[in-house]
Amino acid sequence: MAGHRIFSTSFASIYPHYVAKAERKGRTRAEVDQIIEWLTGYDAAGLDRVLRDETTMEAFFADAPAFNPNASLINGRICGYRVQDIEDPLMQKIRYLDKLIDELARGKKMDAILRSA
């Protein structure tokens, strides 16, 4: 999957789709932001900056302040792939985020989404 076009896509162009997916299912933008913060370490100011600067997905994950070590607990299928089996590290991180947003939209409790004990 090296050089996949999603890598050079801006996070700002994908973020509204995450929010819309959550909101269609009665969830909130704040919950989407909480998931992003848990996974990547971006706080509200950092998230605003990457959205404003149209940071690419590749840079978004490469520059993540604190990628969560518990991300490896995320498993299951997204877009036909088992997230735990994706070999490209960047694609795996993108799919981790996709999977968490999907879980949010499916009504999963936030503590389960964030892999709390």
N, C-alpha and C. Protein backbone atom coordinates (compact mmCIF):
# COMPACT_ATOMS: atom_id res chain seq x y z
N MET A 1 0.82 -1.20 0.00
CA MET A 1 0.00 0.00 0.00
C MET A 1 0.86 1.26 0.00
N ALA A 2 2.14 1.11 -0.22
CA ALA A 2 3.03 2.26 -0.22
C ALA A 2 2.57 3.29 -1.24
N GLY A 3 2.59 4.55 -0.84
CA GLY A 3 2.21 5.62 -1.73
C GLY A 3 0.71 5.71 -1.99
N HIS A 4 -0.09 5.09 -1.17
CA HIS A 4 -1.54 5.15 -1.32
C HIS A 4 -1.98 6.61 -1.29
N ARG A 5 -2.97 6.96 -2.10
CA ARG A 5 -3.35 8.37 -2.19
C ARG A 5 -3.92 8.94 -0.89
N ILE A 6 -4.43 8.09 -0.02
CA ILE A 6 -4.94 8.58 1.27
C ILE A 6 -3.82 9.24 2.07
N PHE A 7 -2.58 8.80 1.87
CA PHE A 7 -1.46 9.34 2.63
C PHE A 7 -1.27 10.84 2.37
N SER A 8 -1.51 11.27 1.13
CA SER A 8 -1.31 12.68 0.78
C SER A 8 -2.60 13.49 0.85
N THR A 9 -3.69 12.85 1.24
CA THR A 9 -4.97 13.55 1.41
C THR A 9 -4.90 14.34 2.71
N SER A 10 -5.50 15.53 2.71
CA SER A 10 -5.45 16.33 3.93
C SER A 10 -6.41 15.75 4.98
N PHE A 11 -5.95 15.80 6.22
CA PHE A 11 -6.79 15.35 7.32
C PHE A 11 -8.06 16.20 7.36
N ALA A 12 -7.94 17.49 7.03
CA ALA A 12 -9.08 18.41 7.04
C ALA A 12 -10.17 17.97 6.07
N SER A 13 -9.82 17.27 5.00
CA SER A 13 -10.84 16.83 4.05
C SER A 13 -11.55 15.56 4.52
N ILE A 14 -10.95 14.83 5.44
CA ILE A 14 -11.53 13.58 5.93
C ILE A 14 -12.28 13.78 7.25
N TYR A 15 -11.80 14.69 8.06
CA TYR A 15 -12.38 14.95 9.38
C TYR A 15 -13.89 15.19 9.33
N PRO A 16 -14.40 16.02 8.40
CA PRO A 16 -15.86 16.23 8.37
C PRO A 16 -16.65 14.95 8.14
N HIS A 17 -16.07 13.99 7.44
CA HIS A 17 -16.74 12.71 7.22
C HIS A 17 -16.82 11.91 8.51
N TYR A 18 -15.76 11.97 9.32
CA TYR A 18 -15.80 11.32 10.63
C TYR A 18 -16.91 11.92 11.49
N VAL A 19 -16.96 13.25 11.52
CA VAL A 19 -17.96 13.95 12.33
C VAL A 19 -19.37 13.64 11.83
N ALA A 20 -19.56 13.69 10.52
CA ALA A 20 -20.89 13.42 9.95
C ALA A 20 -21.35 12.00 10.25
N LYS A 21 -20.44 11.04 10.15
CA LYS A 21 -20.78 9.65 10.43
C LYS A 21 -21.24 9.51 11.88
N ALA A 22 -20.52 10.14 12.78
CA ALA A 22 -20.88 10.08 14.20
C ALA A 22 -22.22 10.78 14.45
N GLU A 23 -22.39 11.97 13.89
CA GLU A 23 -23.60 12.75 14.14
C GLU A 23 -24.85 12.09 13.55
N ARG A 24 -24.70 11.40 12.42
CA ARG A 24 -25.84 10.67 11.84
C ARG A 24 -26.37 9.61 12.80
N LYS A 25 -25.49 9.14 13.67
CA LYS A 25 -25.87 8.09 14.63
C LYS A 25 -26.09 8.64 16.03
N GLY A 26 -26.26 9.97 16.14
CA GLY A 26 -26.57 10.57 17.43
C GLY A 26 -25.37 10.81 18.33
N ARG A 27 -24.17 10.71 17.78
CA ARG A 27 -22.96 10.99 18.56
C ARG A 27 -22.51 12.41 18.25
N THR A 28 -21.43 12.87 18.88
CA THR A 28 -21.06 14.28 18.76
C THR A 28 -19.64 14.48 18.21
N ARG A 29 -19.42 15.70 17.74
CA ARG A 29 -18.09 16.10 17.31
C ARG A 29 -17.11 16.00 18.47
N ALA A 30 -17.56 16.37 19.66
CA ALA A 30 -16.70 16.29 20.85
C ALA A 30 -16.22 14.86 21.09
N GLU A 31 -17.08 13.88 20.83
CA GLU A 31 -16.68 12.49 21.00
C GLU A 31 -15.66 12.08 19.94
N VAL A 32 -15.85 12.56 18.71
CA VAL A 32 -14.87 12.31 17.64
C VAL A 32 -13.52 12.89 18.06
N ASP A 33 -13.54 14.13 18.55
CA ASP A 33 -12.31 14.79 18.99
C ASP A 33 -11.65 14.04 20.14
N GLN A 34 -12.47 13.51 21.05
CA GLN A 34 -11.94 12.75 22.18
C GLN A 34 -11.22 11.49 21.68
N ILE A 35 -11.80 10.83 20.69
CA ILE A 35 -11.16 9.64 20.11
C ILE A 35 -9.84 10.02 19.45
N ILE A 36 -9.84 11.10 18.69
CA ILE A 36 -8.61 11.55 18.03
C ILE A 36 -7.54 11.88 19.06
N GLU A 37 -7.94 12.56 20.14
CA GLU A 37 -6.97 12.90 21.19
C GLU A 37 -6.42 11.64 21.84
N TRP A 38 -7.29 10.67 22.13
CA TRP A 38 -6.84 9.43 22.76
C TRP A 38 -5.83 8.70 21.86
N LEU A 39 -6.15 8.62 20.57
CA LEU A 39 -5.31 7.86 19.65
C LEU A 39 -3.99 8.56 19.34
N THR A 40 -4.04 9.88 19.15
CA THR A 40 -2.88 10.60 18.62
C THR A 40 -2.20 11.56 19.58
N GLY A 41 -2.91 11.98 20.62
CA GLY A 41 -2.35 12.97 21.54
C GLY A 41 -2.62 14.41 21.14
N TYR A 42 -3.29 14.63 20.00
CA TYR A 42 -3.61 16.01 19.61
C TYR A 42 -4.67 16.57 20.54
N ASP A 43 -4.38 17.72 21.16
CA ASP A 43 -5.39 18.40 21.96
C ASP A 43 -6.20 19.31 21.03
N ALA A 44 -7.14 20.07 21.57
CA ALA A 44 -8.02 20.91 20.75
C ALA A 44 -7.22 21.89 19.88
N ALA A 45 -6.20 22.52 20.48
CA ALA A 45 -5.39 23.48 19.71
C ALA A 45 -4.61 22.78 18.60
N GLY A 46 -4.05 21.63 18.89
CA GLY A 46 -3.31 20.87 17.89
C GLY A 46 -4.21 20.39 16.77
N LEU A 47 -5.39 19.94 17.12
CA LEU A 47 -6.35 19.50 16.11
C LEU A 47 -6.78 20.68 15.23
N ASP A 48 -7.05 21.81 15.85
CA ASP A 48 -7.40 23.01 15.08
C ASP A 48 -6.28 23.38 14.11
N ARG A 49 -5.05 23.25 14.57
CA ARG A 49 -3.90 23.60 13.73
C ARG A 49 -3.80 22.69 12.51
N VAL A 50 -3.91 21.37 12.71
CA VAL A 50 -3.78 20.47 11.56
C VAL A 50 -4.94 20.63 10.59
N LEU A 51 -6.12 20.97 11.12
CA LEU A 51 -7.26 21.22 10.23
C LEU A 51 -7.03 22.51 9.43
N ARG A 52 -6.58 23.54 10.10
CA ARG A 52 -6.33 24.84 9.45
C ARG A 52 -5.21 24.74 8.41
N ASP A 53 -4.15 24.01 8.75
CA ASP A 53 -2.98 23.91 7.87
C ASP A 53 -3.15 22.87 6.77
N GLU A 54 -4.28 22.16 6.77
CA GLU A 54 -4.53 21.11 5.78
C GLU A 54 -3.40 20.07 5.76
N THR A 55 -2.99 19.68 6.93
CA THR A 55 -1.94 18.68 7.11
C THR A 55 -2.35 17.37 6.45
N THR A 56 -1.40 16.73 5.76
CA THR A 56 -1.70 15.44 5.13
C THR A 56 -1.90 14.36 6.19
N MET A 57 -2.55 13.30 5.80
CA MET A 57 -2.74 12.17 6.72
C MET A 57 -1.38 11.64 7.17
N GLU A 58 -0.44 11.57 6.24
CA GLU A 58 0.90 11.09 6.58
C GLU A 58 1.53 11.95 7.66
N ALA A 59 1.49 13.27 7.48
CA ALA A 59 2.07 14.19 8.47
C ALA A 59 1.27 14.19 9.76
N PHE A 60 -0.05 14.06 9.65
CA PHE A 60 -0.91 14.03 10.83
C PHE A 60 -0.47 12.93 11.80
N PHE A 61 -0.24 11.74 11.26
CA PHE A 61 0.17 10.63 12.12
C PHE A 61 1.66 10.70 12.46
N ALA A 62 2.49 11.14 11.52
CA ALA A 62 3.93 11.24 11.79
C ALA A 62 4.22 12.25 12.90
N ASP A 63 3.44 13.33 12.93
CA ASP A 63 3.65 14.40 13.91
C ASP A 63 2.78 14.27 15.15
N ALA A 64 2.05 13.18 15.26
CA ALA A 64 1.16 13.00 16.42
C ALA A 64 1.96 13.14 17.71
N PRO A 65 1.48 14.00 18.61
CA PRO A 65 2.22 14.26 19.85
C PRO A 65 2.46 13.02 20.71
N ALA A 66 1.49 12.10 20.74
CA ALA A 66 1.64 10.93 21.61
C ALA A 66 0.72 9.82 21.11
N PHE A 67 1.19 9.07 20.10
CA PHE A 67 0.36 7.98 19.59
C PHE A 67 0.17 6.96 20.71
N ASN A 68 -1.08 6.59 20.96
CA ASN A 68 -1.41 5.77 22.12
C ASN A 68 -0.85 4.34 22.00
N PRO A 69 -0.07 3.91 23.00
CA PRO A 69 0.48 2.55 22.95
C PRO A 69 -0.61 1.47 23.01
N ASN A 70 -1.80 1.82 23.50
CA ASN A 70 -2.90 0.86 23.55
C ASN A 70 -3.61 0.71 22.21
N ALA A 71 -3.16 1.43 21.18
CA ALA A 71 -3.77 1.30 19.86
C ALA A 71 -3.67 -0.14 19.37
N SER A 72 -2.66 -0.86 19.82
CA SER A 72 -2.50 -2.25 19.40
C SER A 72 -3.65 -3.14 19.90
N LEU A 73 -4.44 -2.63 20.85
CA LEU A 73 -5.60 -3.38 21.34
C LEU A 73 -6.79 -3.28 20.39
N ILE A 74 -6.70 -2.38 19.41
CA ILE A 74 -7.78 -2.21 18.43
C ILE A 74 -7.69 -3.36 17.43
N ASN A 75 -8.78 -4.09 17.29
CA ASN A 75 -8.79 -5.16 16.32
C ASN A 75 -10.16 -5.27 15.68
N GLY A 76 -10.25 -6.11 14.70
CA GLY A 76 -11.50 -6.26 13.97
C GLY A 76 -11.33 -5.84 12.53
N ARG A 77 -12.43 -5.82 11.81
CA ARG A 77 -12.38 -5.51 10.37
C ARG A 77 -12.85 -4.09 10.10
N ILE A 78 -12.17 -3.47 9.14
CA ILE A 78 -12.59 -2.18 8.61
C ILE A 78 -12.19 -2.16 7.14
N CYS A 79 -13.12 -1.80 6.30
CA CYS A 79 -12.88 -1.78 4.85
C CYS A 79 -12.37 -3.12 4.32
N GLY A 80 -12.84 -4.20 4.93
CA GLY A 80 -12.46 -5.53 4.47
C GLY A 80 -11.13 -6.05 4.96
N TYR A 81 -10.44 -5.26 5.77
CA TYR A 81 -9.13 -5.67 6.29
C TYR A 81 -9.19 -5.82 7.79
N ARG A 82 -8.45 -6.79 8.32
CA ARG A 82 -8.29 -6.88 9.77
C ARG A 82 -7.24 -5.85 10.16
N VAL A 83 -7.61 -4.89 11.00
CA VAL A 83 -6.68 -3.80 11.32
C VAL A 83 -5.39 -4.31 11.95
N GLN A 84 -5.49 -5.39 12.72
CA GLN A 84 -4.30 -5.91 13.39
C GLN A 84 -3.34 -6.58 12.41
N ASP A 85 -3.79 -6.89 11.19
CA ASP A 85 -2.95 -7.57 10.21
C ASP A 85 -2.39 -6.64 9.12
N ILE A 86 -2.74 -5.37 9.17
CA ILE A 86 -2.25 -4.43 8.15
C ILE A 86 -0.76 -4.19 8.38
N GLU A 87 0.04 -4.42 7.34
CA GLU A 87 1.49 -4.35 7.49
C GLU A 87 2.06 -2.95 7.40
N ASP A 88 1.48 -2.08 6.57
CA ASP A 88 2.00 -0.72 6.44
C ASP A 88 1.62 0.07 7.70
N PRO A 89 2.61 0.56 8.46
CA PRO A 89 2.32 1.23 9.73
C PRO A 89 1.40 2.44 9.60
N LEU A 90 1.58 3.23 8.55
CA LEU A 90 0.73 4.41 8.36
C LEU A 90 -0.70 3.99 8.03
N MET A 91 -0.86 3.05 7.13
CA MET A 91 -2.21 2.59 6.79
C MET A 91 -2.88 1.98 8.01
N GLN A 92 -2.12 1.28 8.83
CA GLN A 92 -2.69 0.70 10.04
C GLN A 92 -3.20 1.79 10.98
N LYS A 93 -2.44 2.87 11.13
CA LYS A 93 -2.88 3.97 12.00
C LYS A 93 -4.14 4.62 11.46
N ILE A 94 -4.20 4.80 10.14
CA ILE A 94 -5.40 5.38 9.53
C ILE A 94 -6.60 4.48 9.78
N ARG A 95 -6.41 3.19 9.61
CA ARG A 95 -7.51 2.23 9.82
C ARG A 95 -7.88 2.11 11.29
N TYR A 96 -6.92 2.29 12.19
CA TYR A 96 -7.26 2.34 13.62
C TYR A 96 -8.28 3.45 13.86
N LEU A 97 -7.99 4.64 13.33
CA LEU A 97 -8.90 5.77 13.53
C LEU A 97 -10.25 5.47 12.88
N ASP A 98 -10.23 4.93 11.67
CA ASP A 98 -11.49 4.56 11.01
C ASP A 98 -12.30 3.60 11.89
N LYS A 99 -11.63 2.62 12.44
CA LYS A 99 -12.30 1.61 13.27
C LYS A 99 -12.91 2.23 14.52
N LEU A 100 -12.18 3.14 15.17
CA LEU A 100 -12.70 3.79 16.37
C LEU A 100 -13.94 4.64 16.06
N ILE A 101 -13.90 5.36 14.94
CA ILE A 101 -15.05 6.18 14.55
C ILE A 101 -16.23 5.27 14.21
N ASP A 102 -15.96 4.15 13.57
CA ASP A 102 -17.00 3.18 13.26
C ASP A 102 -17.64 2.64 14.55
N GLU A 103 -16.82 2.34 15.53
CA GLU A 103 -17.34 1.86 16.81
C GLU A 103 -18.21 2.92 17.47
N LEU A 104 -17.80 4.17 17.39
CA LEU A 104 -18.58 5.28 17.94
C LEU A 104 -19.95 5.33 17.25
N ALA A 105 -19.94 5.28 15.93
CA ALA A 105 -21.19 5.34 15.17
C ALA A 105 -22.10 4.15 15.44
N ARG A 106 -21.51 3.03 15.81
CA ARG A 106 -22.31 1.83 16.10
C ARG A 106 -22.86 1.84 17.53
N GLY A 107 -22.56 2.89 18.28
CA GLY A 107 -23.14 3.02 19.61
C GLY A 107 -22.34 2.43 20.75
N LYS A 108 -21.11 2.04 20.48
CA LYS A 108 -20.27 1.48 21.53
C LYS A 108 -20.00 2.55 22.60
N LYS A 109 -19.89 2.12 23.84
CA LYS A 109 -19.59 3.06 24.94
C LYS A 109 -18.18 3.60 24.81
N MET A 110 -18.00 4.86 25.19
CA MET A 110 -16.71 5.52 25.00
C MET A 110 -15.60 4.81 25.75
N ASP A 111 -15.83 4.31 26.96
CA ASP A 111 -14.74 3.64 27.68
C ASP A 111 -14.29 2.37 26.95
N ALA A 112 -15.20 1.70 26.25
CA ALA A 112 -14.81 0.52 25.47
C ALA A 112 -14.05 0.94 24.21
N ILE A 113 -14.50 2.02 23.57
CA ILE A 113 -13.81 2.52 22.38
C ILE A 113 -12.37 2.91 22.72
N LEU A 114 -12.20 3.56 23.85
CA LEU A 114 -10.88 4.04 24.26
C LEU A 114 -10.07 2.98 24.99
N ARG A 115 -10.53 1.76 24.91
CA ARG A 115 -9.81 0.60 25.44
C ARG A 115 -9.43 0.79 26.90
N SER A 116 -10.38 1.34 27.69
CA SER A 116 -10.15 1.50 29.13
C SER A 116 -10.25 0.13 29.78
N ALA A 117 -9.55 0.00 30.87
CA ALA A 117 -9.53 -1.31 31.57
C ALA A 117 -10.89 -1.73 32.05
